């Protein structure tokens, strides 16, 4: 029982703590991705760098990009949940037949 409360407290803390985190650049986008940050640092460090790869598909807006990212995450979570459930069920079933 005590262990469950500790785990719930840790989960709530991990969900709330990013809201109190002090962002380095308050004027810029707060939730920019790592790709954007990497691109900025590359431009600072290597001014003559030329991109060697172009994206196959460029979403028309940021909302569609977020939608596609969320859809990708949901499909991945569904596949992981199915595989973990399948393996758990297989393990339980194998124990019951011995």
N, C-alpha and C. Protein backbone atom coordinates (compact mmCIF):
# COMPACT_ATOMS: atom_id res chain seq x y z
N UNK A 1 0.83 -1.19 0.00
CA UNK A 1 0.00 0.00 0.00
C UNK A 1 0.87 1.26 0.00
N UNK A 2 1.89 1.27 0.88
CA UNK A 2 2.78 2.42 0.97
C UNK A 2 3.55 2.58 -0.34
N UNK A 3 3.93 1.45 -0.93
CA UNK A 3 4.68 1.48 -2.18
C UNK A 3 3.84 2.11 -3.30
N UNK A 4 2.55 1.82 -3.34
CA UNK A 4 1.67 2.40 -4.36
C UNK A 4 1.58 3.91 -4.22
N UNK A 5 1.48 4.41 -2.99
CA UNK A 5 1.43 5.86 -2.78
C UNK A 5 2.73 6.52 -3.22
N UNK A 6 3.85 5.88 -2.95
CA UNK A 6 5.14 6.44 -3.36
C UNK A 6 5.21 6.49 -4.88
N UNK A 7 4.78 5.43 -5.56
CA UNK A 7 4.82 5.41 -7.02
C UNK A 7 3.86 6.44 -7.62
N UNK A 8 2.69 6.60 -7.01
CA UNK A 8 1.75 7.62 -7.49
C UNK A 8 2.32 9.01 -7.30
N UNK A 9 2.96 9.25 -6.16
CA UNK A 9 3.59 10.55 -5.90
C UNK A 9 4.69 10.83 -6.92
N UNK A 10 5.51 9.83 -7.20
CA UNK A 10 6.60 10.01 -8.18
C UNK A 10 6.02 10.31 -9.56
N UNK A 11 4.96 9.60 -9.95
CA UNK A 11 4.34 9.83 -11.26
C UNK A 11 3.77 11.25 -11.36
N UNK A 12 3.09 11.70 -10.32
CA UNK A 12 2.53 13.06 -10.31
C UNK A 12 3.65 14.09 -10.35
N UNK A 13 4.71 13.86 -9.59
CA UNK A 13 5.86 14.78 -9.60
C UNK A 13 6.47 14.87 -11.00
N UNK A 14 6.62 13.73 -11.67
CA UNK A 14 7.21 13.75 -13.01
C UNK A 14 6.30 14.44 -14.03
N UNK A 15 5.00 14.39 -13.81
CA UNK A 15 4.08 15.07 -14.73
C UNK A 15 4.06 16.57 -14.50
N UNK A 16 4.21 17.01 -13.25
CA UNK A 16 4.09 18.43 -12.92
C UNK A 16 5.43 19.17 -13.04
N UNK A 17 6.53 18.51 -12.79
CA UNK A 17 7.83 19.19 -12.72
C UNK A 17 8.22 19.95 -13.98
N UNK A 18 7.90 19.50 -15.22
CA UNK A 18 8.29 20.31 -16.39
C UNK A 18 7.67 21.70 -16.41
N UNK A 19 6.53 21.90 -15.76
CA UNK A 19 5.90 23.22 -15.75
C UNK A 19 6.69 24.23 -14.92
N UNK A 20 7.50 23.76 -14.01
CA UNK A 20 8.28 24.65 -13.16
C UNK A 20 9.73 24.78 -13.63
N UNK A 21 10.06 24.08 -14.69
CA UNK A 21 11.41 24.11 -15.22
C UNK A 21 11.66 25.46 -15.90
N UNK A 22 12.77 26.07 -15.61
CA UNK A 22 13.12 27.36 -16.20
C UNK A 22 13.74 27.13 -17.57
N UNK A 23 13.05 27.60 -18.61
CA UNK A 23 13.56 27.42 -19.97
C UNK A 23 14.68 28.41 -20.23
N UNK A 24 15.66 27.96 -21.00
CA UNK A 24 16.85 28.77 -21.28
C UNK A 24 16.50 30.01 -22.10
N UNK A 25 15.71 29.83 -23.14
CA UNK A 25 15.34 30.95 -24.01
C UNK A 25 13.84 31.17 -23.92
N UNK A 26 13.42 32.07 -23.07
CA UNK A 26 12.00 32.31 -22.86
C UNK A 26 11.34 32.97 -24.07
N UNK A 27 12.07 33.72 -24.86
CA UNK A 27 11.48 34.44 -25.98
C UNK A 27 11.18 33.51 -27.16
N UNK A 28 11.97 32.46 -27.31
CA UNK A 28 11.77 31.54 -28.42
C UNK A 28 10.68 30.54 -28.09
N UNK A 29 10.42 29.65 -29.01
CA UNK A 29 9.42 28.62 -28.77
C UNK A 29 9.83 27.78 -27.58
N UNK A 30 8.91 27.58 -26.66
CA UNK A 30 9.22 26.80 -25.47
C UNK A 30 9.29 25.31 -25.77
N UNK A 31 8.54 24.86 -26.74
CA UNK A 31 8.46 23.44 -27.00
C UNK A 31 9.02 23.09 -28.37
N UNK A 32 10.11 23.70 -28.75
CA UNK A 32 10.73 23.36 -30.02
C UNK A 32 11.42 22.01 -29.89
N UNK A 33 11.47 21.29 -30.99
CA UNK A 33 12.03 19.94 -30.97
C UNK A 33 13.54 19.94 -31.01
N UNK A 34 14.10 18.78 -30.81
CA UNK A 34 15.54 18.65 -30.83
C UNK A 34 16.11 18.88 -32.22
N UNK A 35 15.31 18.58 -33.26
CA UNK A 35 15.78 18.84 -34.61
C UNK A 35 16.03 20.33 -34.82
N UNK A 36 15.12 21.16 -34.33
CA UNK A 36 15.27 22.60 -34.47
C UNK A 36 16.48 23.10 -33.71
N UNK A 37 16.66 22.62 -32.49
CA UNK A 37 17.81 23.03 -31.70
C UNK A 37 19.12 22.57 -32.33
N UNK A 38 19.14 21.34 -32.85
CA UNK A 38 20.35 20.84 -33.50
C UNK A 38 20.69 21.68 -34.72
N UNK A 39 19.67 22.05 -35.49
CA UNK A 39 19.89 22.87 -36.67
C UNK A 39 20.47 24.23 -36.29
N UNK A 40 19.98 24.83 -35.22
CA UNK A 40 20.50 26.12 -34.78
C UNK A 40 21.97 26.03 -34.37
N UNK A 41 22.31 24.96 -33.61
CA UNK A 41 23.70 24.80 -33.17
C UNK A 41 24.63 24.49 -34.33
N UNK A 42 24.16 23.73 -35.31
CA UNK A 42 24.99 23.45 -36.49
C UNK A 42 25.26 24.74 -37.25
N UNK A 43 24.23 25.59 -37.38
CA UNK A 43 24.42 26.87 -38.06
C UNK A 43 25.42 27.76 -37.33
N UNK A 44 25.44 27.67 -36.01
CA UNK A 44 26.40 28.46 -35.23
C UNK A 44 27.81 27.91 -35.35
N UNK A 45 27.95 26.58 -35.24
CA UNK A 45 29.27 25.97 -35.20
C UNK A 45 29.91 25.78 -36.58
N UNK A 46 29.12 25.45 -37.58
CA UNK A 46 29.66 25.21 -38.93
C UNK A 46 28.84 25.99 -39.93
N UNK A 47 29.25 27.21 -40.17
CA UNK A 47 28.47 28.10 -41.03
C UNK A 47 28.43 27.63 -42.48
N UNK A 48 29.43 26.89 -42.94
CA UNK A 48 29.47 26.43 -44.33
C UNK A 48 28.88 25.03 -44.52
N UNK A 49 28.18 24.52 -43.54
CA UNK A 49 27.59 23.17 -43.61
C UNK A 49 26.46 23.13 -44.63
N UNK A 50 26.48 22.12 -45.49
CA UNK A 50 25.42 21.92 -46.49
C UNK A 50 24.65 20.66 -46.13
N UNK A 51 23.33 20.76 -46.15
CA UNK A 51 22.50 19.59 -45.86
C UNK A 51 22.71 18.55 -46.96
N UNK A 52 22.88 17.29 -46.56
CA UNK A 52 23.10 16.22 -47.53
C UNK A 52 21.85 15.38 -47.73
N UNK A 53 20.75 15.72 -47.04
CA UNK A 53 19.52 14.96 -47.15
C UNK A 53 18.35 15.92 -47.08
N UNK A 54 17.39 15.73 -47.95
CA UNK A 54 16.18 16.53 -47.93
C UNK A 54 15.01 15.65 -47.49
N UNK A 55 14.07 16.19 -46.71
CA UNK A 55 12.93 15.39 -46.27
C UNK A 55 12.10 14.90 -47.46
N UNK A 56 11.57 13.68 -47.34
CA UNK A 56 10.72 13.13 -48.39
C UNK A 56 9.37 13.82 -48.39
N UNK A 57 8.85 14.08 -47.18
CA UNK A 57 7.54 14.71 -47.04
C UNK A 57 7.64 15.83 -46.02
N UNK A 58 7.20 17.00 -46.40
CA UNK A 58 7.18 18.16 -45.49
C UNK A 58 5.72 18.50 -45.18
N UNK A 59 5.27 18.31 -43.93
CA UNK A 59 3.87 18.63 -43.61
C UNK A 59 3.58 20.10 -43.87
N UNK A 60 2.35 20.40 -44.34
CA UNK A 60 2.02 21.79 -44.67
C UNK A 60 1.94 22.72 -43.47
N UNK A 61 1.70 22.18 -42.26
CA UNK A 61 1.62 23.06 -41.09
C UNK A 61 2.12 22.31 -39.86
N UNK A 62 2.36 23.07 -38.80
CA UNK A 62 2.82 22.49 -37.54
C UNK A 62 1.78 21.60 -36.89
N UNK A 63 0.50 21.92 -37.10
CA UNK A 63 -0.57 21.10 -36.52
C UNK A 63 -0.60 19.71 -37.13
N UNK A 64 -0.42 19.65 -38.45
CA UNK A 64 -0.41 18.34 -39.12
C UNK A 64 0.82 17.56 -38.71
N UNK A 65 1.93 18.24 -38.54
CA UNK A 65 3.15 17.58 -38.08
C UNK A 65 2.94 16.99 -36.68
N UNK A 66 2.30 17.74 -35.80
CA UNK A 66 2.00 17.24 -34.46
C UNK A 66 1.04 16.06 -34.52
N UNK A 67 0.04 16.15 -35.39
CA UNK A 67 -0.91 15.05 -35.55
C UNK A 67 -0.20 13.78 -36.01
N UNK A 68 0.68 13.89 -36.99
CA UNK A 68 1.40 12.72 -37.48
C UNK A 68 2.31 12.14 -36.42
N UNK A 69 2.96 13.00 -35.64
CA UNK A 69 3.82 12.53 -34.56
C UNK A 69 3.01 11.80 -33.50
N UNK A 70 1.84 12.35 -33.15
CA UNK A 70 0.98 11.72 -32.15
C UNK A 70 0.44 10.39 -32.67
N UNK A 71 0.06 10.34 -33.93
CA UNK A 71 -0.42 9.10 -34.53
C UNK A 71 0.67 8.04 -34.52
N UNK A 72 1.90 8.43 -34.84
CA UNK A 72 3.03 7.51 -34.80
C UNK A 72 3.24 6.97 -33.39
N UNK A 73 3.16 7.83 -32.40
CA UNK A 73 3.34 7.41 -31.01
C UNK A 73 2.22 6.47 -30.57
N UNK A 74 0.99 6.75 -30.99
CA UNK A 74 -0.15 5.90 -30.61
C UNK A 74 -0.03 4.52 -31.24
N UNK A 75 0.36 4.46 -32.50
CA UNK A 75 0.54 3.16 -33.16
C UNK A 75 1.65 2.38 -32.48
N UNK A 76 2.76 3.04 -32.17
CA UNK A 76 3.86 2.37 -31.48
C UNK A 76 3.46 1.86 -30.11
N UNK A 77 2.70 2.66 -29.37
CA UNK A 77 2.24 2.22 -28.05
C UNK A 77 1.28 1.05 -28.17
N UNK A 78 0.42 1.06 -29.19
CA UNK A 78 -0.49 -0.05 -29.41
C UNK A 78 0.24 -1.34 -29.73
N UNK A 79 1.25 -1.25 -30.59
CA UNK A 79 2.03 -2.44 -30.93
C UNK A 79 2.78 -2.96 -29.70
N UNK A 80 3.39 -2.04 -28.95
CA UNK A 80 4.11 -2.47 -27.74
C UNK A 80 3.17 -3.11 -26.73
N UNK A 81 1.99 -2.52 -26.53
CA UNK A 81 1.01 -3.08 -25.61
C UNK A 81 0.54 -4.45 -26.04
N UNK A 82 0.30 -4.61 -27.35
CA UNK A 82 -0.13 -5.91 -27.85
C UNK A 82 0.95 -6.96 -27.63
N UNK A 83 2.19 -6.65 -27.97
CA UNK A 83 3.28 -7.62 -27.82
C UNK A 83 3.48 -7.97 -26.34
N UNK A 84 3.47 -6.97 -25.48
CA UNK A 84 3.65 -7.25 -24.06
C UNK A 84 2.50 -8.09 -23.51
N UNK A 85 1.27 -7.80 -23.92
CA UNK A 85 0.12 -8.59 -23.49
C UNK A 85 0.18 -10.00 -24.01
N UNK A 86 0.59 -10.14 -25.27
CA UNK A 86 0.72 -11.47 -25.86
C UNK A 86 1.76 -12.31 -25.11
N UNK A 87 2.92 -11.71 -24.84
CA UNK A 87 3.97 -12.45 -24.13
C UNK A 87 3.55 -12.78 -22.71
N UNK A 88 2.87 -11.87 -22.05
CA UNK A 88 2.38 -12.13 -20.68
C UNK A 88 1.36 -13.27 -20.69
N UNK A 89 0.42 -13.22 -21.64
CA UNK A 89 -0.58 -14.27 -21.75
C UNK A 89 0.04 -15.62 -22.08
N UNK A 90 1.03 -15.60 -22.94
CA UNK A 90 1.73 -16.84 -23.30
C UNK A 90 2.45 -17.42 -22.09
N UNK A 91 3.08 -16.54 -21.30
CA UNK A 91 3.79 -17.01 -20.11
C UNK A 91 2.82 -17.58 -19.07
N UNK A 92 1.70 -16.91 -18.87
CA UNK A 92 0.69 -17.40 -17.92
C UNK A 92 0.10 -18.72 -18.41
N UNK A 93 -0.15 -18.82 -19.70
CA UNK A 93 -0.71 -20.03 -20.27
C UNK A 93 0.28 -21.21 -20.16
N UNK A 94 1.56 -20.92 -20.38
CA UNK A 94 2.57 -21.98 -20.27
C UNK A 94 2.70 -22.47 -18.85
N UNK A 95 2.56 -21.61 -17.86
CA UNK A 95 2.64 -22.02 -16.47
C UNK A 95 1.45 -22.87 -16.08
N UNK A 96 0.28 -22.60 -16.64
CA UNK A 96 -0.94 -23.33 -16.28
C UNK A 96 -0.99 -24.72 -16.86
N UNK A 97 -0.26 -24.99 -17.95
CA UNK A 97 -0.33 -26.31 -18.58
C UNK A 97 0.70 -27.28 -18.01
N UNK A 98 1.64 -26.83 -17.20
CA UNK A 98 2.68 -27.72 -16.66
C UNK A 98 2.16 -28.63 -15.60
